[in-house]
Amino acid sequence: MERERFVKLVAEVLDALPQEFRKQMHNLAVLVEDEPPQRTRRKRRGTGENGGPHKTRSLVLGVFQGVPATRRSVFDLSIGPDRIVLYQKNIEAVCSNESEIRHEVRQTVLHELGHYFGMDEAQLRDV
């Protein structure tokens, strides 16, 4: 998939989030990169079809980089936006068509937003 189309799909997923979530997202950038850095390629992150981590895959589909909202203080100095990074080639590798890519992008965004809002892996598995 062309990067431009993938980014448009990500924007559509973000625009479709409920307003109450979007109102709570402050200083957050959502970025698309081809693949994660070498040091994070083997970690099991991202979401599967049931909303939990992939059980059979070891590709990183996305990651939250920043300070969860539940750990922020008004005394913290801002060092730039928190980030959700989606890894396009890894997402495409686990999908066979655009519909599956859209679903996986949505699941991965929701998973990483859970981290942004302070949820850990155990809590995200229970959702």
N, C-alpha and C. Protein backbone atom coordinates (compact mmCIF):
# COMPACT_ATOMS: atom_id res chain seq x y z
N MET A 1 0.85 -1.17 0.00
CA MET A 1 0.00 0.00 0.00
C MET A 1 0.90 1.23 0.00
N GLU A 2 0.54 2.20 -0.80
CA GLU A 2 1.28 3.46 -0.82
C GLU A 2 1.20 4.13 0.55
N ARG A 3 2.29 4.80 0.94
CA ARG A 3 2.32 5.47 2.26
C ARG A 3 1.19 6.48 2.38
N GLU A 4 0.94 7.24 1.34
CA GLU A 4 -0.12 8.26 1.39
C GLU A 4 -1.48 7.62 1.71
N ARG A 5 -1.78 6.49 1.10
CA ARG A 5 -3.05 5.79 1.35
C ARG A 5 -3.09 5.26 2.77
N PHE A 6 -1.98 4.72 3.25
CA PHE A 6 -1.91 4.19 4.60
C PHE A 6 -2.14 5.31 5.62
N VAL A 7 -1.49 6.44 5.42
CA VAL A 7 -1.65 7.59 6.33
C VAL A 7 -3.09 8.08 6.31
N LYS A 8 -3.71 8.10 5.14
CA LYS A 8 -5.12 8.52 5.05
C LYS A 8 -6.01 7.55 5.83
N LEU A 9 -5.71 6.27 5.74
CA LEU A 9 -6.46 5.26 6.48
C LEU A 9 -6.31 5.48 7.99
N VAL A 10 -5.09 5.78 8.43
CA VAL A 10 -4.85 6.07 9.85
C VAL A 10 -5.66 7.30 10.28
N ALA A 11 -5.68 8.33 9.46
CA ALA A 11 -6.45 9.54 9.77
C ALA A 11 -7.93 9.22 9.87
N GLU A 12 -8.43 8.37 9.00
CA GLU A 12 -9.84 7.98 9.05
C GLU A 12 -10.15 7.24 10.35
N VAL A 13 -9.25 6.36 10.76
CA VAL A 13 -9.43 5.63 12.02
C VAL A 13 -9.45 6.61 13.19
N LEU A 14 -8.53 7.56 13.20
CA LEU A 14 -8.49 8.55 14.29
C LEU A 14 -9.74 9.42 14.30
N ASP A 15 -10.19 9.83 13.12
CA ASP A 15 -11.40 10.66 13.03
C ASP A 15 -12.65 9.92 13.50
N ALA A 16 -12.63 8.60 13.40
CA ALA A 16 -13.79 7.80 13.80
C ALA A 16 -13.82 7.49 15.30
N LEU A 17 -12.77 7.87 16.02
CA LEU A 17 -12.76 7.65 17.47
C LEU A 17 -13.87 8.46 18.12
N PRO A 18 -14.46 7.93 19.19
CA PRO A 18 -15.49 8.70 19.90
C PRO A 18 -14.96 10.05 20.37
N GLN A 19 -15.80 11.04 20.30
CA GLN A 19 -15.44 12.41 20.67
C GLN A 19 -14.86 12.50 22.09
N GLU A 20 -15.40 11.70 23.03
CA GLU A 20 -14.91 11.77 24.41
C GLU A 20 -13.45 11.35 24.52
N PHE A 21 -12.99 10.45 23.65
CA PHE A 21 -11.58 10.08 23.63
C PHE A 21 -10.74 11.17 22.97
N ARG A 22 -11.22 11.67 21.85
CA ARG A 22 -10.45 12.69 21.13
C ARG A 22 -10.28 13.95 21.97
N LYS A 23 -11.26 14.28 22.79
CA LYS A 23 -11.16 15.46 23.67
C LYS A 23 -10.05 15.30 24.70
N GLN A 24 -9.77 14.05 25.08
CA GLN A 24 -8.77 13.77 26.12
C GLN A 24 -7.36 13.58 25.57
N MET A 25 -7.22 13.61 24.27
CA MET A 25 -5.90 13.41 23.65
C MET A 25 -5.23 14.76 23.47
N HIS A 26 -4.19 15.00 24.25
CA HIS A 26 -3.48 16.28 24.21
C HIS A 26 -2.00 16.04 23.93
N ASN A 27 -1.45 16.84 23.05
CA ASN A 27 -0.02 16.78 22.75
C ASN A 27 0.40 15.36 22.38
N LEU A 28 -0.35 14.76 21.46
CA LEU A 28 -0.11 13.40 21.01
C LEU A 28 0.03 13.38 19.49
N ALA A 29 1.13 12.84 19.01
CA ALA A 29 1.34 12.70 17.57
C ALA A 29 1.19 11.23 17.21
N VAL A 30 0.55 10.97 16.08
CA VAL A 30 0.45 9.61 15.56
C VAL A 30 1.26 9.58 14.27
N LEU A 31 2.30 8.75 14.27
CA LEU A 31 3.24 8.70 13.16
C LEU A 31 3.23 7.33 12.51
N VAL A 32 3.67 7.30 11.26
CA VAL A 32 3.81 6.04 10.53
C VAL A 32 5.26 5.90 10.12
N GLU A 33 5.84 4.75 10.43
CA GLU A 33 7.19 4.39 9.98
C GLU A 33 7.11 3.03 9.32
N ASP A 34 8.11 2.70 8.52
CA ASP A 34 8.11 1.41 7.84
C ASP A 34 8.19 0.25 8.84
N GLU A 35 9.24 0.24 9.65
CA GLU A 35 9.50 -0.83 10.60
C GLU A 35 10.09 -0.24 11.87
N PRO A 36 9.99 -0.98 12.98
CA PRO A 36 10.59 -0.49 14.22
C PRO A 36 12.11 -0.59 14.16
N PRO A 37 12.79 0.16 15.03
CA PRO A 37 14.24 0.02 15.13
C PRO A 37 14.60 -1.42 15.46
N GLN A 38 15.78 -1.84 15.11
CA GLN A 38 16.23 -3.22 15.30
C GLN A 38 16.01 -3.72 16.73
N ARG A 39 16.24 -2.89 17.72
CA ARG A 39 16.17 -3.33 19.11
C ARG A 39 14.76 -3.67 19.57
N THR A 40 13.73 -3.25 18.86
CA THR A 40 12.35 -3.54 19.28
C THR A 40 11.63 -4.49 18.35
N ARG A 41 12.29 -5.06 17.38
CA ARG A 41 11.61 -5.89 16.38
C ARG A 41 11.06 -7.19 16.91
N ARG A 42 11.60 -7.73 17.96
CA ARG A 42 11.17 -9.04 18.43
C ARG A 42 10.15 -8.98 19.57
N LYS A 43 9.91 -7.82 20.14
CA LYS A 43 8.94 -7.73 21.22
C LYS A 43 7.55 -8.01 20.70
N ARG A 44 6.70 -8.57 21.53
CA ARG A 44 5.33 -8.86 21.13
C ARG A 44 4.45 -7.69 21.52
N ARG A 45 4.17 -6.87 20.55
CA ARG A 45 3.29 -5.72 20.77
C ARG A 45 2.28 -5.68 19.67
N GLY A 46 1.33 -4.77 19.82
CA GLY A 46 0.29 -4.66 18.82
C GLY A 46 -0.90 -5.47 19.29
N THR A 47 -1.89 -5.59 18.45
CA THR A 47 -3.11 -6.25 18.85
C THR A 47 -3.52 -7.28 17.82
N GLY A 48 -4.15 -8.31 18.29
CA GLY A 48 -4.68 -9.33 17.40
C GLY A 48 -6.15 -9.10 17.15
N GLU A 49 -6.78 -10.03 16.48
CA GLU A 49 -8.18 -9.85 16.11
C GLU A 49 -9.10 -9.74 17.31
N ASN A 50 -8.75 -10.34 18.43
CA ASN A 50 -9.59 -10.27 19.62
C ASN A 50 -9.19 -9.14 20.55
N GLY A 51 -8.35 -8.22 20.09
CA GLY A 51 -7.97 -7.08 20.90
C GLY A 51 -6.80 -7.32 21.81
N GLY A 52 -6.30 -8.56 21.88
CA GLY A 52 -5.16 -8.86 22.73
C GLY A 52 -3.88 -8.87 21.93
N PRO A 53 -2.76 -9.07 22.60
CA PRO A 53 -1.49 -9.11 21.88
C PRO A 53 -1.47 -10.30 20.92
N HIS A 54 -0.72 -10.18 19.86
CA HIS A 54 -0.57 -11.30 18.94
C HIS A 54 0.05 -12.46 19.68
N LYS A 55 -0.52 -13.62 19.58
CA LYS A 55 0.01 -14.81 20.23
C LYS A 55 1.01 -15.53 19.34
N THR A 56 0.79 -15.48 18.03
CA THR A 56 1.63 -16.27 17.14
C THR A 56 2.61 -15.42 16.36
N ARG A 57 2.55 -14.15 16.48
CA ARG A 57 3.44 -13.29 15.71
C ARG A 57 4.34 -12.52 16.67
N SER A 58 5.52 -12.21 16.19
CA SER A 58 6.42 -11.43 17.03
C SER A 58 6.77 -10.10 16.36
N LEU A 59 5.92 -9.63 15.48
CA LEU A 59 6.14 -8.34 14.85
C LEU A 59 5.56 -7.23 15.71
N VAL A 60 6.28 -6.15 15.84
CA VAL A 60 5.78 -4.98 16.54
C VAL A 60 4.94 -4.19 15.54
N LEU A 61 3.67 -4.00 15.84
CA LEU A 61 2.78 -3.28 14.93
C LEU A 61 2.67 -1.81 15.28
N GLY A 62 2.84 -1.50 16.55
CA GLY A 62 2.77 -0.12 17.00
C GLY A 62 3.34 0.00 18.39
N VAL A 63 3.62 1.23 18.77
CA VAL A 63 4.19 1.47 20.09
C VAL A 63 3.77 2.86 20.56
N PHE A 64 3.56 2.98 21.87
CA PHE A 64 3.34 4.29 22.49
C PHE A 64 4.66 4.72 23.09
N GLN A 65 5.08 5.95 22.80
CA GLN A 65 6.30 6.51 23.35
C GLN A 65 5.94 7.80 24.07
N GLY A 66 6.06 7.78 25.37
CA GLY A 66 5.74 8.99 26.13
C GLY A 66 5.39 8.66 27.56
N VAL A 67 4.76 9.60 28.20
CA VAL A 67 4.34 9.46 29.59
C VAL A 67 2.82 9.26 29.61
N PRO A 68 2.35 8.14 30.16
CA PRO A 68 0.91 7.92 30.23
C PRO A 68 0.21 9.05 30.98
N ALA A 69 -1.00 9.35 30.58
CA ALA A 69 -1.78 10.44 31.17
C ALA A 69 -1.91 10.29 32.68
N THR A 70 -1.97 9.06 33.17
CA THR A 70 -2.13 8.83 34.61
C THR A 70 -0.86 9.12 35.40
N ARG A 71 0.25 9.32 34.73
CA ARG A 71 1.52 9.60 35.42
C ARG A 71 1.99 11.03 35.23
N ARG A 72 1.22 11.83 34.56
CA ARG A 72 1.63 13.21 34.31
C ARG A 72 1.34 14.10 35.51
N SER A 73 2.14 15.12 35.60
CA SER A 73 1.95 16.12 36.65
C SER A 73 1.97 17.51 36.01
N VAL A 74 1.30 18.45 36.61
CA VAL A 74 1.34 19.82 36.10
C VAL A 74 2.73 20.41 36.24
N PHE A 75 3.59 19.76 37.03
CA PHE A 75 4.95 20.24 37.22
C PHE A 75 5.94 19.68 36.20
N ASP A 76 5.48 18.72 35.39
CA ASP A 76 6.36 18.13 34.37
C ASP A 76 6.63 19.15 33.27
N LEU A 77 7.87 19.16 32.82
CA LEU A 77 8.23 20.00 31.68
C LEU A 77 7.93 19.24 30.40
N SER A 78 7.34 19.90 29.46
CA SER A 78 7.04 19.27 28.18
C SER A 78 8.31 19.15 27.35
N ILE A 79 8.56 17.97 26.82
CA ILE A 79 9.72 17.78 25.96
C ILE A 79 9.26 17.41 24.55
N GLY A 80 8.08 17.79 24.22
CA GLY A 80 7.52 17.47 22.91
C GLY A 80 6.31 16.58 23.08
N PRO A 81 5.69 16.26 21.99
CA PRO A 81 4.47 15.44 22.09
C PRO A 81 4.79 13.98 22.41
N ASP A 82 3.84 13.33 23.08
CA ASP A 82 3.88 11.88 23.18
C ASP A 82 3.61 11.36 21.78
N ARG A 83 3.98 10.10 21.54
CA ARG A 83 3.85 9.58 20.17
C ARG A 83 3.27 8.17 20.17
N ILE A 84 2.43 7.95 19.19
CA ILE A 84 2.04 6.59 18.83
C ILE A 84 2.65 6.38 17.46
N VAL A 85 3.45 5.33 17.33
CA VAL A 85 4.09 5.03 16.05
C VAL A 85 3.51 3.73 15.54
N LEU A 86 3.01 3.76 14.31
CA LEU A 86 2.50 2.57 13.64
C LEU A 86 3.53 2.13 12.61
N TYR A 87 3.77 0.82 12.54
CA TYR A 87 4.78 0.28 11.63
C TYR A 87 4.09 -0.35 10.43
N GLN A 88 4.04 0.40 9.34
CA GLN A 88 3.27 0.04 8.17
C GLN A 88 3.65 -1.32 7.60
N LYS A 89 4.91 -1.60 7.39
CA LYS A 89 5.30 -2.86 6.76
C LYS A 89 4.94 -4.06 7.64
N ASN A 90 5.04 -3.90 8.95
CA ASN A 90 4.67 -5.00 9.84
C ASN A 90 3.16 -5.23 9.83
N ILE A 91 2.40 -4.15 9.80
CA ILE A 91 0.94 -4.30 9.73
C ILE A 91 0.55 -4.96 8.41
N GLU A 92 1.15 -4.51 7.34
CA GLU A 92 0.85 -5.11 6.04
C GLU A 92 1.25 -6.59 6.00
N ALA A 93 2.31 -6.95 6.72
CA ALA A 93 2.79 -8.34 6.71
C ALA A 93 1.80 -9.31 7.36
N VAL A 94 0.97 -8.82 8.27
CA VAL A 94 0.01 -9.70 8.95
C VAL A 94 -1.39 -9.59 8.36
N CYS A 95 -1.53 -8.83 7.28
CA CYS A 95 -2.83 -8.62 6.64
C CYS A 95 -2.77 -9.02 5.17
N SER A 96 -3.91 -9.40 4.63
CA SER A 96 -3.92 -9.82 3.23
C SER A 96 -4.70 -8.88 2.32
N ASN A 97 -5.40 -7.89 2.89
CA ASN A 97 -6.13 -6.93 2.05
C ASN A 97 -6.35 -5.63 2.82
N GLU A 98 -6.90 -4.64 2.12
CA GLU A 98 -7.08 -3.32 2.73
C GLU A 98 -8.05 -3.35 3.91
N SER A 99 -9.06 -4.18 3.83
CA SER A 99 -10.01 -4.29 4.93
C SER A 99 -9.32 -4.79 6.20
N GLU A 100 -8.46 -5.79 6.05
CA GLU A 100 -7.72 -6.29 7.21
C GLU A 100 -6.73 -5.25 7.72
N ILE A 101 -6.12 -4.51 6.83
CA ILE A 101 -5.19 -3.44 7.25
C ILE A 101 -5.94 -2.41 8.06
N ARG A 102 -7.11 -1.99 7.58
CA ARG A 102 -7.92 -1.01 8.33
C ARG A 102 -8.25 -1.54 9.72
N HIS A 103 -8.66 -2.80 9.81
CA HIS A 103 -8.99 -3.40 11.10
C HIS A 103 -7.77 -3.43 12.02
N GLU A 104 -6.63 -3.84 11.48
CA GLU A 104 -5.41 -3.94 12.30
C GLU A 104 -4.93 -2.56 12.75
N VAL A 105 -5.03 -1.57 11.87
CA VAL A 105 -4.66 -0.20 12.25
C VAL A 105 -5.55 0.26 13.40
N ARG A 106 -6.85 0.01 13.28
CA ARG A 106 -7.79 0.43 14.34
C ARG A 106 -7.45 -0.27 15.66
N GLN A 107 -7.23 -1.58 15.60
CA GLN A 107 -6.91 -2.33 16.82
C GLN A 107 -5.61 -1.84 17.44
N THR A 108 -4.61 -1.59 16.61
CA THR A 108 -3.31 -1.15 17.11
C THR A 108 -3.40 0.25 17.70
N VAL A 109 -4.12 1.15 17.03
CA VAL A 109 -4.31 2.51 17.56
C VAL A 109 -5.02 2.44 18.90
N LEU A 110 -6.09 1.66 19.00
CA LEU A 110 -6.81 1.55 20.28
C LEU A 110 -5.92 0.97 21.37
N HIS A 111 -5.11 -0.01 21.04
CA HIS A 111 -4.20 -0.61 22.01
C HIS A 111 -3.19 0.43 22.52
N GLU A 112 -2.59 1.16 21.60
CA GLU A 112 -1.58 2.15 22.00
C GLU A 112 -2.23 3.34 22.70
N LEU A 113 -3.45 3.70 22.34
CA LEU A 113 -4.17 4.73 23.09
C LEU A 113 -4.44 4.27 24.52
N GLY A 114 -4.66 2.98 24.68
CA GLY A 114 -4.81 2.45 26.04
C GLY A 114 -3.57 2.73 26.86
N HIS A 115 -2.39 2.55 26.27
CA HIS A 115 -1.15 2.88 26.98
C HIS A 115 -1.07 4.38 27.24
N TYR A 116 -1.46 5.19 26.28
CA TYR A 116 -1.46 6.65 26.45
C TYR A 116 -2.33 7.03 27.66
N PHE A 117 -3.47 6.36 27.80
CA PHE A 117 -4.38 6.66 28.90
C PHE A 117 -4.00 5.92 30.19
N GLY A 118 -2.85 5.22 30.21
CA GLY A 118 -2.33 4.66 31.44
C GLY A 118 -2.59 3.19 31.67
N MET A 119 -3.11 2.48 30.69
CA MET A 119 -3.39 1.05 30.88
C MET A 119 -2.13 0.23 30.58
N ASP A 120 -1.95 -0.84 31.35
CA ASP A 120 -0.83 -1.74 31.08
C ASP A 120 -1.32 -2.91 30.24
N GLU A 121 -0.40 -3.82 29.87
CA GLU A 121 -0.75 -4.94 28.99
C GLU A 121 -1.84 -5.82 29.60
N ALA A 122 -1.77 -6.08 30.90
CA ALA A 122 -2.77 -6.92 31.54
C ALA A 122 -4.16 -6.29 31.46
N GLN A 123 -4.24 -5.00 31.70
CA GLN A 123 -5.52 -4.31 31.61
C GLN A 123 -6.05 -4.31 30.18
N LEU A 124 -5.17 -4.16 29.21
CA LEU A 124 -5.60 -4.15 27.81
C LEU A 124 -6.08 -5.52 27.37
N ARG A 125 -5.52 -6.58 27.92
CA ARG A 125 -5.99 -7.92 27.58
C ARG A 125 -7.40 -8.15 28.10
N ASP A 126 -7.75 -7.51 29.21
CA ASP A 126 -9.06 -7.68 29.81
C ASP A 126 -10.17 -6.89 29.11
N VAL A 127 -9.78 -5.98 28.24
CA VAL A 127 -10.77 -5.12 27.56
C VAL A 127 -11.38 -5.84 26.40
